[in-house]
Amino acid sequence: MVTDDLPRVTIAHLPTPIEPLPHLTAQLGGPELWVKRDDQTGLATGGNKTRKLEFLVADALAHSADTLVTCGAAQSNHARQTAAAAAKFGLDRVLVLGGDASSEAQGNLLLDRLLDAQIVWTGDRLPQERMSSVAHQLTEDGRHPYVIPYGGSNSIGVSGYVAAMGELMTQGEKQGRAFDHIVLATSSGGTQAGLVVGAHVFGYHGHILGISVDPRAADLRRKLADLATSASVHLSLDPVFESDDFDVNDNYLGGGYGVVGSLERETIRTVARAEGLILDPVYTGRAFGGLLHLIRDGAFDADEKVLFWHTGGTSGLFGHADQL
């Protein structure tokens, strides 16, 4: 595999299962729906960031880091998984979280505290700006911080989803199954960029659709192109990617990032009651809701196979209980 020569630690429970969603398929009259269970990667309740962290933590260790520093929202799945990965490898962990200090300990924030992460609240400052100052202070104090960007989305983190596409193709070959479409929640861009690079590497010829949970499509496509191109350079590949290489749908942004509306509530209930599958209110609930709307709008043929890539976030559900 193209990622085999990269430094990598073992964190995730791989390969993650691929499961059918027969009741939803029947209710909708097709297409044939399946789910890739990256909510089952196993790191402090799992999620897609675990695949990225296998490469990011390896790079941190190679640079003799003693502390992982990253940023995110108060209920950040990425921050929770980063804190857990740091604990697993004996590293300190500092999470720079958006907004003001919260006395509540629910959902991901509860897990952050159980994992003994130091939490720095940004207040009115931009998370990336505050994260840089935190890392600088740690260095001044004689520490060796390793800064992981928002969502773990850089050329190193993207490698996790290049490898994931190889995993999917191997599973498909063994099971005699190919998917016409892959649909996923997209925001920081690393997961979708990695899958598209992986599609070029491993010969996936289907359609990859990212349903944005936050950025506008035009902005996200530019970011995806930059991420995919930098990952290709990191992997010593030739392709240079352009914005048009990525399909992003931003029609389901609702009230904004992390704002739970009727789409997310209805989708979480529908999927849980039909399939026993739990979605989260920020990412997968919004993206799967978009997928259901597109199916009802005739965007897919009834005989096609559609794979929803479940990126996790289940623990965040408990941080939004009052909205659900």
C-alpha atoms as a PDB file:
ATOM      1  CA  MET A   1       0.000   0.000   0.000  1.00  0.00           C
ATOM      2  CA  VAL A   2       1.180   3.518  -0.791  1.00  0.00           C
ATOM      3  CA  THR A   3       1.136   4.460   2.922  1.00  0.00           C
ATOM      4  CA  ASP A   4       3.137   1.424   4.078  1.00  0.00           C
ATOM      5  CA  ASP A   5       6.454   3.273   4.266  1.00  0.00           C
ATOM      6  CA  LEU A   6       5.101   6.130   6.390  1.00  0.00           C
ATOM      7  CA  PRO A   7       5.659   6.219  10.161  1.00  0.00           C
ATOM      8  CA  ARG A   8       2.507   4.878  11.792  1.00  0.00           C
ATOM      9  CA  VAL A   9       1.364   3.713  15.203  1.00  0.00           C
ATOM     10  CA  THR A  10      -1.451   1.250  15.856  1.00  0.00           C
ATOM     11  CA  ILE A  11      -4.509   2.787  17.484  1.00  0.00           C
ATOM     12  CA  ALA A  12      -7.621   1.999  15.446  1.00  0.00           C
ATOM     13  CA  HIS A  13      -9.569  -1.244  15.344  1.00  0.00           C
ATOM     14  CA  LEU A  14      -9.266  -1.990  11.639  1.00  0.00           C
ATOM     15  CA  PRO A  15     -10.776  -2.835   9.268  1.00  0.00           C
ATOM     16  CA  THR A  16     -14.024  -1.244  10.353  1.00  0.00           C
ATOM     17  CA  PRO A  17     -17.161  -3.164   9.354  1.00  0.00           C
ATOM     18  CA  ILE A  18     -19.365  -2.478   6.355  1.00  0.00           C
ATOM     19  CA  GLU A  19     -23.015  -3.130   7.174  1.00  0.00           C
ATOM     20  CA  PRO A  20     -26.236  -3.091   5.135  1.00  0.00           C
ATOM     21  CA  LEU A  21     -29.152  -0.824   6.018  1.00  0.00           C
ATOM     22  CA  PRO A  22     -31.990  -2.993   4.681  1.00  0.00           C
ATOM     23  CA  HIS A  23     -34.913  -1.366   6.498  1.00  0.00           C
ATOM     24  CA  LEU A  24     -34.057   2.140   5.325  1.00  0.00           C
ATOM     25  CA  THR A  25     -33.432   0.797   1.830  1.00  0.00           C
ATOM     26  CA  ALA A  26     -36.894  -0.785   1.821  1.00  0.00           C
ATOM     27  CA  GLN A  27     -38.589   2.295   3.289  1.00  0.00           C
ATOM     28  CA  LEU A  28     -37.058   4.524   0.617  1.00  0.00           C
ATOM     29  CA  GLY A  29     -37.498   2.091  -2.280  1.00  0.00           C
ATOM     30  CA  GLY A  30     -33.758   2.172  -3.014  1.00  0.00           C
ATOM     31  CA  PRO A  31     -30.939   2.825  -3.555  1.00  0.00           C
ATOM     32  CA  GLU A  32     -29.253   0.015  -1.638  1.00  0.00           C
ATOM     33  CA  LEU A  33     -27.835   1.659   1.483  1.00  0.00           C
ATOM     34  CA  TRP A  34     -24.715   0.545   3.377  1.00  0.00           C
ATOM     35  CA  VAL A  35     -22.622   2.077   6.145  1.00  0.00           C
ATOM     36  CA  LYS A  36     -18.868   2.022   6.806  1.00  0.00           C
ATOM     37  CA  ARG A  37     -18.538   1.996  10.593  1.00  0.00           C
ATOM     38  CA  ASP A  38     -15.682   4.353  11.400  1.00  0.00           C
ATOM     39  CA  ASP A  39     -17.579   5.151  14.568  1.00  0.00           C
ATOM     40  CA  GLN A  40     -16.143   1.777  15.639  1.00  0.00           C
ATOM     41  CA  THR A  41     -12.424   2.637  15.421  1.00  0.00           C
ATOM     42  CA  GLY A  42     -12.237   2.131  19.165  1.00  0.00           C
ATOM     43  CA  LEU A  43     -10.408   5.184  20.563  1.00  0.00           C
ATOM     44  CA  ALA A  44     -12.437   6.701  23.425  1.00  0.00           C
ATOM     45  CA  THR A  45     -15.695   5.799  21.613  1.00  0.00           C
ATOM     46  CA  GLY A  46     -14.087   5.965  18.152  1.00  0.00           C
ATOM     47  CA  GLY A  47     -14.426   8.150  15.102  1.00  0.00           C
ATOM     48  CA  ASN A  48     -12.663   9.102  11.903  1.00  0.00           C
ATOM     49  CA  LYS A  49      -9.864  11.116  13.530  1.00  0.00           C
ATOM     50  CA  THR A  50      -8.359   7.910  14.907  1.00  0.00           C
ATOM     51  CA  ARG A  51      -7.158   6.914  11.433  1.00  0.00           C
ATOM     52  CA  LYS A  52      -5.440  10.301  11.028  1.00  0.00           C
ATOM     53  CA  LEU A  53      -3.903  10.097  14.491  1.00  0.00           C
ATOM     54  CA  GLU A  54      -2.122   6.854  13.645  1.00  0.00           C
ATOM     55  CA  PHE A  55       0.098   8.899  11.322  1.00  0.00           C
ATOM     56  CA  LEU A  56       0.112  12.149  13.291  1.00  0.00           C
ATOM     57  CA  VAL A  57       1.135  10.540  16.593  1.00  0.00           C
ATOM     58  CA  ALA A  58       3.876   8.592  14.814  1.00  0.00           C
ATOM     59  CA  ASP A  59       5.220  11.878  13.438  1.00  0.00           C
ATOM     60  CA  ALA A  60       4.989  13.484  16.884  1.00  0.00           C
ATOM     61  CA  LEU A  61       6.996  10.639  18.419  1.00  0.00           C
ATOM     62  CA  ALA A  62       9.558  10.868  15.611  1.00  0.00           C
ATOM     63  CA  HIS A  63      10.018  14.548  16.573  1.00  0.00           C
ATOM     64  CA  SER A  64      10.456  13.646  20.271  1.00  0.00           C
ATOM     65  CA  ALA A  65       7.282  15.452  21.282  1.00  0.00           C
ATOM     66  CA  ASP A  66       6.088  15.193  24.855  1.00  0.00           C
ATOM     67  CA  THR A  67       2.767  17.030  24.416  1.00  0.00           C
ATOM     68  CA  LEU A  68       0.024  16.976  21.807  1.00  0.00           C
ATOM     69  CA  VAL A  69      -1.760  20.284  21.246  1.00  0.00           C
ATOM     70  CA  THR A  70      -4.866  20.689  19.124  1.00  0.00           C
ATOM     71  CA  CYS A  71      -8.006  22.798  18.861  1.00  0.00           C
ATOM     72  CA  GLY A  72     -11.715  22.436  18.241  1.00  0.00           C
ATOM     73  CA  ALA A  73     -15.183  23.279  19.459  1.00  0.00           C
ATOM     74  CA  ALA A  74     -16.279  22.544  23.033  1.00  0.00           C
ATOM     75  CA  GLN A  75     -17.770  19.220  21.898  1.00  0.00           C
ATOM     76  CA  SER A  76     -14.927  18.432  19.485  1.00  0.00           C
ATOM     77  CA  ASN A  77     -14.661  14.765  18.517  1.00  0.00           C
ATOM     78  CA  HIS A  78     -11.173  15.412  17.201  1.00  0.00           C
ATOM     79  CA  ALA A  79     -10.010  16.915  20.500  1.00  0.00           C
ATOM     80  CA  ARG A  80     -11.401  13.952  22.454  1.00  0.00           C
ATOM     81  CA  GLN A  81      -9.653  11.416  20.215  1.00  0.00           C
ATOM     82  CA  THR A  82      -6.399  13.387  20.305  1.00  0.00           C
ATOM     83  CA  ALA A  83      -6.472  13.434  24.111  1.00  0.00           C
ATOM     84  CA  ALA A  84      -7.052   9.674  24.169  1.00  0.00           C
ATOM     85  CA  ALA A  85      -4.233   9.017  21.704  1.00  0.00           C
ATOM     86  CA  ALA A  86      -1.888  11.143  23.789  1.00  0.00           C
ATOM     87  CA  ALA A  87      -2.789   9.182  26.910  1.00  0.00           C
ATOM     88  CA  LYS A  88      -2.221   5.900  25.079  1.00  0.00           C
ATOM     89  CA  PHE A  89       1.339   6.929  24.170  1.00  0.00           C
ATOM     90  CA  GLY A  90       2.267   8.624  27.421  1.00  0.00           C
ATOM     91  CA  LEU A  91       2.088  12.182  26.105  1.00  0.00           C
ATOM     92  CA  ASP A  92       0.613  15.229  27.785  1.00  0.00           C
ATOM     93  CA  ARG A  93      -2.401  16.788  26.043  1.00  0.00           C
ATOM     94  CA  VAL A  94      -3.599  20.345  25.720  1.00  0.00           C
ATOM     95  CA  LEU A  95      -6.931  21.069  24.062  1.00  0.00           C
ATOM     96  CA  VAL A  96      -7.683  24.598  22.893  1.00  0.00           C
ATOM     97  CA  LEU A  97     -11.477  24.770  22.788  1.00  0.00           C
ATOM     98  CA  GLY A  98     -13.655  27.519  21.366  1.00  0.00           C
ATOM     99  CA  GLY A  99     -15.635  29.865  23.584  1.00  0.00           C
ATOM    100  CA  ASP A 100     -15.692  30.419  27.335  1.00  0.00           C
ATOM    101  CA  ALA A 101     -15.030  27.963  30.130  1.00  0.00           C
ATOM    102  CA  SER A 102     -17.912  25.609  30.861  1.00  0.00           C
ATOM    103  CA  SER A 103     -18.714  24.105  34.234  1.00  0.00           C
ATOM    104  CA  GLU A 104     -20.721  21.357  32.582  1.00  0.00           C
ATOM    105  CA  ALA A 105     -19.125  17.999  31.901  1.00  0.00           C
ATOM    106  CA  GLN A 106     -21.175  16.245  29.253  1.00  0.00           C
ATOM    107  CA  GLY A 107     -20.424  14.398  26.039  1.00  0.00           C
ATOM    108  CA  ASN A 108     -16.942  14.882  24.654  1.00  0.00           C
ATOM    109  CA  LEU A 109     -16.062  17.452  27.294  1.00  0.00           C
ATOM    110  CA  LEU A 110     -16.661  14.869  30.010  1.00  0.00           C
ATOM    111  CA  LEU A 111     -14.302  12.468  28.236  1.00  0.00           C
ATOM    112  CA  ASP A 112     -11.686  15.204  27.785  1.00  0.00           C
ATOM    113  CA  ARG A 113     -11.646  15.694  31.546  1.00  0.00           C
ATOM    114  CA  LEU A 114     -11.575  11.981  32.290  1.00  0.00           C
ATOM    115  CA  LEU A 115      -8.577  11.759  29.965  1.00  0.00           C
ATOM    116  CA  ASP A 116      -6.869  14.471  32.057  1.00  0.00           C
ATOM    117  CA  ALA A 117      -6.492  16.883  29.179  1.00  0.00           C
ATOM    118  CA  GLN A 118      -5.531  20.452  29.978  1.00  0.00           C
ATOM    119  CA  ILE A 119      -8.271  22.615  28.487  1.00  0.00           C
ATOM    120  CA  VAL A 120      -7.565  26.154  27.337  1.00  0.00           C
ATOM    121  CA  TRP A 121     -10.616  28.188  26.351  1.00  0.00           C
ATOM    122  CA  THR A 122     -10.246  30.682  23.525  1.00  0.00           C
ATOM    123  CA  GLY A 123     -12.795  33.259  24.633  1.00  0.00           C
ATOM    124  CA  ASP A 124     -13.044  35.776  21.794  1.00  0.00           C
ATOM    125  CA  ARG A 125      -9.791  34.712  20.129  1.00  0.00           C
ATOM    126  CA  LEU A 126      -9.507  32.475  17.074  1.00  0.00           C
ATOM    127  CA  PRO A 127      -8.708  28.871  18.040  1.00  0.00           C
ATOM    128  CA  GLN A 128      -5.700  28.595  15.692  1.00  0.00           C
ATOM    129  CA  GLU A 129      -4.264  31.851  17.029  1.00  0.00           C
ATOM    130  CA  ARG A 130      -4.718  30.769  20.646  1.00  0.00           C
ATOM    131  CA  MET A 131      -3.256  27.345  19.854  1.00  0.00           C
ATOM    132  CA  SER A 132      -0.105  28.917  18.433  1.00  0.00           C
ATOM    133  CA  SER A 133       0.397  30.999  21.568  1.00  0.00           C
ATOM    134  CA  VAL A 134      -0.153  27.953  23.782  1.00  0.00           C
ATOM    135  CA  ALA A 135       2.420  25.948  21.829  1.00  0.00           C
ATOM    136  CA  HIS A 136       4.870  28.860  22.016  1.00  0.00           C
ATOM    137  CA  GLN A 137       4.450  29.076  25.787  1.00  0.00           C
ATOM    138  CA  LEU A 138       4.994  25.346  26.177  1.00  0.00           C
ATOM    139  CA  THR A 139       8.218  25.637  24.208  1.00  0.00           C
ATOM    140  CA  GLU A 140       9.314  28.559  26.371  1.00  0.00           C
ATOM    141  CA  ASP A 141       8.670  26.344  29.405  1.00  0.00           C
ATOM    142  CA  GLY A 142      11.039  23.708  28.049  1.00  0.00           C
ATOM    143  CA  ARG A 143       8.396  21.344  26.692  1.00  0.00           C
ATOM    144  CA  HIS A 144       8.284  19.771  23.222  1.00  0.00           C
ATOM    145  CA  PRO A 145       4.759  20.344  21.874  1.00  0.00           C
ATOM    146  CA  TYR A 146       3.483  18.868  18.635  1.00  0.00           C
ATOM    147  CA  VAL A 147       0.653  20.899  17.132  1.00  0.00           C
ATOM    148  CA  ILE A 148      -2.088  18.987  15.342  1.00  0.00           C
ATOM    149  CA  PRO A 149      -4.302  21.225  13.182  1.00  0.00           C
ATOM    150  CA  TYR A 150      -8.074  21.445  13.426  1.00  0.00           C
ATOM    151  CA  GLY A 151      -9.553  18.082  12.515  1.00  0.00           C
ATOM    152  CA  GLY A 152      -6.100  16.542  12.069  1.00  0.00           C
ATOM    153  CA  SER A 153      -6.385  17.723   8.483  1.00  0.00           C
ATOM    154  CA  ASN A 154      -2.956  18.173   6.947  1.00  0.00           C
ATOM    155  CA  SER A 155      -0.878  16.099   4.543  1.00  0.00           C
ATOM    156  CA  ILE A 156       0.060  13.652   7.304  1.00  0.00           C
ATOM    157  CA  GLY A 157      -3.454  13.224   8.670  1.00  0.00           C
ATOM    158  CA  VAL A 158      -4.953  12.873   5.193  1.00  0.00           C
ATOM    159  CA  SER A 159      -2.800   9.766   4.735  1.00  0.00           C
ATOM    160  CA  GLY A 160      -5.122   7.957   7.132  1.00  0.00           C
ATOM    161  CA  TYR A 161      -7.974   8.174   4.648  1.00  0.00           C
ATOM    162  CA  VAL A 162      -5.830   7.314   1.663  1.00  0.00           C
ATOM    163  CA  ALA A 163      -5.165   4.062   3.516  1.00  0.00           C
ATOM    164  CA  ALA A 164      -8.869   3.806   4.390  1.00  0.00           C
ATOM    165  CA  MET A 165      -9.802   3.777   0.706  1.00  0.00           C
ATOM    166  CA  GLY A 166      -7.384   0.900   0.209  1.00  0.00           C
ATOM    167  CA  GLU A 167      -9.098  -0.892   3.083  1.00  0.00           C
ATOM    168  CA  LEU A 168     -12.517  -0.341   1.512  1.00  0.00           C
ATOM    169  CA  MET A 169     -11.371  -1.635  -1.877  1.00  0.00           C
ATOM    170  CA  THR A 170      -9.909  -4.757  -0.274  1.00  0.00           C
ATOM    171  CA  GLN A 171     -13.152  -5.396   1.602  1.00  0.00           C
ATOM    172  CA  GLY A 172     -15.142  -4.905  -1.591  1.00  0.00           C
ATOM    173  CA  GLU A 173     -12.987  -7.381  -3.505  1.00  0.00           C
ATOM    174  CA  LYS A 174     -13.322 -10.012  -0.773  1.00  0.00           C
ATOM    175  CA  GLN A 175     -17.087  -9.535  -0.560  1.00  0.00           C
ATOM    176  CA  GLY A 176     -17.677  -9.151  -4.298  1.00  0.00           C
ATOM    177  CA  ARG A 177     -19.276  -5.764  -3.792  1.00  0.00           C
ATOM    178  CA  ALA A 178     -18.665  -2.332  -5.319  1.00  0.00           C
ATOM    179  CA  PHE A 179     -20.295   0.950  -4.329  1.00  0.00           C
ATOM    180  CA  ASP A 180     -21.518   3.467  -6.872  1.00  0.00           C
ATOM    181  CA  HIS A 181     -21.441   6.326  -4.379  1.00  0.00           C
ATOM    182  CA  ILE A 182     -19.674   7.180  -1.116  1.00  0.00           C
ATOM    183  CA  VAL A 183     -21.350   9.884   0.982  1.00  0.00           C
ATOM    184  CA  LEU A 184     -19.827  11.461   4.088  1.00  0.00           C
ATOM    185  CA  ALA A 185     -19.912  14.487   6.365  1.00  0.00           C
ATOM    186  CA  THR A 186     -17.151  16.954   5.497  1.00  0.00           C
ATOM    187  CA  SER A 187     -15.804  19.972   7.360  1.00  0.00           C
ATOM    188  CA  SER A 188     -12.047  20.261   7.966  1.00  0.00           C
ATOM    189  CA  GLY A 189     -11.625  18.278   4.754  1.00  0.00           C
ATOM    190  CA  GLY A 190      -9.066  15.619   5.625  1.00  0.00           C
ATOM    191  CA  THR A 191     -11.397  12.649   5.326  1.00  0.00           C
ATOM    192  CA  GLN A 192     -12.818  13.589   1.923  1.00  0.00           C
ATOM    193  CA  ALA A 193      -9.410  14.652   0.565  1.00  0.00           C
ATOM    194  CA  GLY A 194      -7.895  11.339   1.647  1.00  0.00           C
ATOM    195  CA  LEU A 195     -10.667   9.304   0.069  1.00  0.00           C
ATOM    196  CA  VAL A 196     -10.318  11.154  -3.240  1.00  0.00           C
ATOM    197  CA  VAL A 197      -6.532  10.673  -3.271  1.00  0.00           C
ATOM    198  CA  GLY A 198      -7.112   7.032  -2.364  1.00  0.00           C
ATOM    199  CA  ALA A 199      -9.613   6.688  -5.203  1.00  0.00           C
ATOM    200  CA  HIS A 200      -6.859   7.695  -7.651  1.00  0.00           C
ATOM    201  CA  VAL A 201      -4.368   5.328  -6.043  1.00  0.00           C
ATOM    202  CA  PHE A 202      -6.590   2.267  -5.696  1.00  0.00           C
ATOM    203  CA  GLY A 203      -8.825   2.661  -8.729  1.00  0.00           C
ATOM    204  CA  TYR A 204     -12.159   3.543  -7.170  1.00  0.00           C
ATOM    205  CA  HIS A 205     -14.262   4.898 -10.038  1.00  0.00           C
ATOM    206  CA  GLY A 206     -17.457   5.735  -8.170  1.00  0.00           C
ATOM    207  CA  HIS A 207     -18.732   9.084  -6.941  1.00  0.00           C
ATOM    208  CA  ILE A 208     -17.562  10.617  -3.646  1.00  0.00           C
ATOM    209  CA  LEU A 209     -19.941  13.228  -2.212  1.00  0.00           C
ATOM    210  CA  GLY A 210     -19.118  15.324   0.821  1.00  0.00           C
ATOM    211  CA  ILE A 211     -22.078  16.942   2.575  1.00  0.00           C
ATOM    212  CA  SER A 212     -20.731  20.025   4.302  1.00  0.00           C
ATOM    213  CA  VAL A 213     -21.628  20.585   7.939  1.00  0.00           C
ATOM    214  CA  ASP A 214     -20.014  24.016   8.119  1.00  0.00           C
ATOM    215  CA  PRO A 215     -18.001  25.603   5.248  1.00  0.00           C
ATOM    216  CA  ARG A 216     -19.503  26.836   2.009  1.00  0.00           C
ATOM    217  CA  ALA A 217     -18.887  24.495  -0.905  1.00  0.00           C
ATOM    218  CA  ALA A 218     -16.637  26.817  -2.932  1.00  0.00           C
ATOM    219  CA  ASP A 219     -14.343  27.475   0.024  1.00  0.00           C
ATOM    220  CA  LEU A 220     -14.231  23.825   1.005  1.00  0.00           C
ATOM    221  CA  ARG A 221     -13.456  22.637  -2.526  1.00  0.00           C
ATOM    222  CA  ARG A 222     -10.414  24.913  -2.631  1.00  0.00           C
ATOM    223  CA  LYS A 223      -9.256  23.577   0.718  1.00  0.00           C
ATOM    224  CA  LEU A 224      -9.821  19.988  -0.387  1.00  0.00           C
ATOM    225  CA  ALA A 225      -7.734  20.547  -3.515  1.00  0.00           C
ATOM    226  CA  ASP A 226      -4.874  21.966  -1.440  1.00  0.00           C
ATOM    227  CA  LEU A 227      -5.055  19.128   1.092  1.00  0.00           C
ATOM    228  CA  ALA A 228      -5.197  16.420  -1.576  1.00  0.00           C
ATOM    229  CA  THR A 229      -2.293  17.923  -3.501  1.00  0.00           C
ATOM    230  CA  SER A 230      -0.130  18.274  -0.369  1.00  0.00           C
ATOM    231  CA  ALA A 231      -0.959  14.684   0.608  1.00  0.00           C
ATOM    232  CA  SER A 232       0.050  13.501  -2.864  1.00  0.00           C
ATOM    233  CA  VAL A 233       3.406  15.234  -2.464  1.00  0.00           C
ATOM    234  CA  HIS A 234       3.789  13.670   0.999  1.00  0.00           C
ATOM    235  CA  LEU A 235       3.113  10.237  -0.517  1.00  0.00           C
ATOM    236  CA  SER A 236       5.411  10.849  -3.523  1.00  0.00           C
ATOM    237  CA  LEU A 237       2.481  10.699  -5.939  1.00  0.00           C
ATOM    238  CA  ASP A 238       2.025  12.715  -9.114  1.00  0.00           C
ATOM    239  CA  PRO A 239      -1.580  14.010  -9.125  1.00  0.00           C
ATOM    240  CA  VAL A 240      -2.280  17.706  -8.652  1.00  0.00           C
ATOM    241  CA  PHE A 241      -5.889  18.270  -7.626  1.00  0.00           C
ATOM    242  CA  GLU A 242      -8.229  21.117  -8.537  1.00  0.00           C
ATOM    243  CA  SER A 243     -11.430  22.310  -6.904  1.00  0.00           C
ATOM    244  CA  ASP A 244     -13.510  20.620  -9.617  1.00  0.00           C
ATOM    245  CA  ASP A 245     -12.183  17.218  -8.509  1.00  0.00           C
ATOM    246  CA  PHE A 246     -14.406  17.409  -5.423  1.00  0.00           C
ATOM    247  CA  ASP A 247     -18.172  17.253  -5.060  1.00  0.00           C
ATOM    248  CA  VAL A 248     -19.445  19.148  -2.016  1.00  0.00           C
ATOM    249  CA  ASN A 249     -23.097  19.834  -1.193  1.00  0.00           C
ATOM    250  CA  ASP A 250     -23.696  22.743   1.205  1.00  0.00           C
ATOM    251  CA  ASN A 251     -27.501  22.765   1.080  1.00  0.00           C
ATOM    252  CA  TYR A 252     -27.915  21.392   4.616  1.00  0.00           C
ATOM    253  CA  LEU A 253     -26.042  23.877   6.800  1.00  0.00           C
ATOM    254  CA  GLY A 254     -29.183  24.803   8.711  1.00  0.00           C
ATOM    255  CA  GLY A 255     -28.540  27.215  11.572  1.00  0.00           C
ATOM    256  CA  GLY A 256     -24.777  26.756  11.368  1.00  0.00           C
ATOM    257  CA  TYR A 257     -22.092  24.539  12.845  1.00  0.00           C
ATOM    258  CA  GLY A 258     -23.268  22.614  15.887  1.00  0.00           C
ATOM    259  CA  VAL A 259     -26.787  24.053  15.769  1.00  0.00           C
ATOM    260  CA  VAL A 260     -29.218  21.146  15.998  1.00  0.00           C
ATOM    261  CA  GLY A 261     -32.357  21.639  13.928  1.00  0.00           C
ATOM    262  CA  SER A 262     -35.282  19.569  12.726  1.00  0.00           C
ATOM    263  CA  LEU A 263     -33.179  17.879  10.012  1.00  0.00           C
ATOM    264  CA  GLU A 264     -30.701  16.477  12.530  1.00  0.00           C
ATOM    265  CA  ARG A 265     -33.332  15.523  15.113  1.00  0.00           C
ATOM    266  CA  GLU A 266     -35.549  13.717  12.619  1.00  0.00           C
ATOM    267  CA  THR A 267     -32.642  11.952  10.941  1.00  0.00           C
ATOM    268  CA  ILE A 268     -31.126  10.710  14.213  1.00  0.00           C
ATOM    269  CA  ARG A 269     -34.491   9.303  15.290  1.00  0.00           C
ATOM    270  CA  THR A 270     -35.292   7.801  11.882  1.00  0.00           C
ATOM    271  CA  VAL A 271     -31.987   5.956  11.547  1.00  0.00           C
ATOM    272  CA  ALA A 272     -31.911   4.802  15.173  1.00  0.00           C
ATOM    273  CA  ARG A 273     -35.434   3.391  14.985  1.00  0.00           C
ATOM    274  CA  ALA A 274     -35.011   1.779  11.579  1.00  0.00           C
ATOM    275  CA  GLU A 275     -31.522   0.298  11.956  1.00  0.00           C
ATOM    276  CA  GLY A 276     -30.326   0.675  15.555  1.00  0.00           C
ATOM    277  CA  LEU A 277     -27.579   2.919  14.191  1.00  0.00           C
ATOM    278  CA  ILE A 278     -26.677   5.982  16.253  1.00  0.00           C
ATOM    279  CA  LEU A 279     -25.700   9.194  14.490  1.00  0.00           C
ATOM    280  CA  ASP A 280     -24.363  12.372  16.066  1.00  0.00           C
ATOM    281  CA  PRO A 281     -26.038  15.800  15.953  1.00  0.00           C
ATOM    282  CA  VAL A 282     -23.183  17.803  14.394  1.00  0.00           C
ATOM    283  CA  TYR A 283     -21.716  15.690  11.593  1.00  0.00           C
ATOM    284  CA  THR A 284     -23.369  12.405  10.681  1.00  0.00           C
ATOM    285  CA  GLY A 285     -26.896  13.464  11.640  1.00  0.00           C
ATOM    286  CA  ARG A 286     -26.671  16.424   9.275  1.00  0.00           C
ATOM    287  CA  ALA A 287     -24.922  14.517   6.473  1.00  0.00           C
ATOM    288  CA  PHE A 288     -27.235  11.502   6.615  1.00  0.00           C
ATOM    289  CA  GLY A 289     -30.182  13.880   6.680  1.00  0.00           C
ATOM    290  CA  GLY A 290     -28.847  15.415   3.481  1.00  0.00           C
ATOM    291  CA  LEU A 291     -28.463  11.944   1.992  1.00  0.00           C
ATOM    292  CA  LEU A 292     -32.083  11.059   2.823  1.00  0.00           C
ATOM    293  CA  HIS A 293     -33.279  14.293   1.228  1.00  0.00           C
ATOM    294  CA  LEU A 294     -31.246  13.617  -1.910  1.00  0.00           C
ATOM    295  CA  ILE A 295     -32.634  10.078  -2.159  1.00  0.00           C
ATOM    296  CA  ARG A 296     -36.205  11.332  -1.867  1.00  0.00           C
ATOM    297  CA  ASP A 297     -35.380  13.947  -4.502  1.00  0.00           C
ATOM    298  CA  GLY A 298     -34.306  11.245  -6.956  1.00  0.00           C
ATOM    299  CA  ALA A 299     -30.555  11.944  -6.930  1.00  0.00           C
ATOM    300  CA  PHE A 300     -29.711   8.217  -7.006  1.00  0.00           C
ATOM    301  CA  ASP A 301     -31.006   5.346  -9.105  1.00  0.00           C
ATOM    302  CA  ALA A 302     -32.948   2.703  -7.209  1.00  0.00           C
ATOM    303  CA  ASP A 303     -30.540  -0.072  -8.229  1.00  0.00           C
ATOM    304  CA  GLU A 304     -27.384   1.760  -7.148  1.00  0.00           C
ATOM    305  CA  LYS A 305     -25.336   0.976  -4.043  1.00  0.00           C
ATOM    306  CA  VAL A 306     -24.629   3.921  -1.746  1.00  0.00           C
ATOM    307  CA  LEU A 307     -22.138   3.723   1.126  1.00  0.00           C
ATOM    308  CA  PHE A 308     -22.478   6.206   3.966  1.00  0.00           C
ATOM    309  CA  TRP A 309     -19.104   6.623   5.681  1.00  0.00           C
ATOM    310  CA  HIS A 310     -19.957   7.000   9.384  1.00  0.00           C
ATOM    311  CA  THR A 311     -17.291   9.327  10.808  1.00  0.00           C
ATOM    312  CA  GLY A 312     -18.309   8.877  14.444  1.00  0.00           C
ATOM    313  CA  GLY A 313     -19.146  11.489  17.052  1.00  0.00           C
ATOM    314  CA  THR A 314     -21.523   9.354  19.110  1.00  0.00           C
ATOM    315  CA  SER A 315     -20.285  10.684  22.462  1.00  0.00           C
ATOM    316  CA  GLY A 316     -21.108  14.219  21.314  1.00  0.00           C
ATOM    317  CA  LEU A 317     -24.763  13.191  21.269  1.00  0.00           C
ATOM    318  CA  PHE A 318     -24.837  13.442  25.051  1.00  0.00           C
ATOM    319  CA  GLY A 319     -23.606  17.023  24.935  1.00  0.00           C
ATOM    320  CA  HIS A 320     -26.706  18.042  22.966  1.00  0.00           C
ATOM    321  CA  ALA A 321     -29.349  16.125  24.928  1.00  0.00           C
ATOM    322  CA  ASP A 322     -31.406  19.243  25.615  1.00  0.00           C
ATOM    323  CA  GLN A 323     -31.705  19.890  21.867  1.00  0.00           C
ATOM    324  CA  LEU A 324     -32.724  16.330  21.008  1.00  0.00           C
END
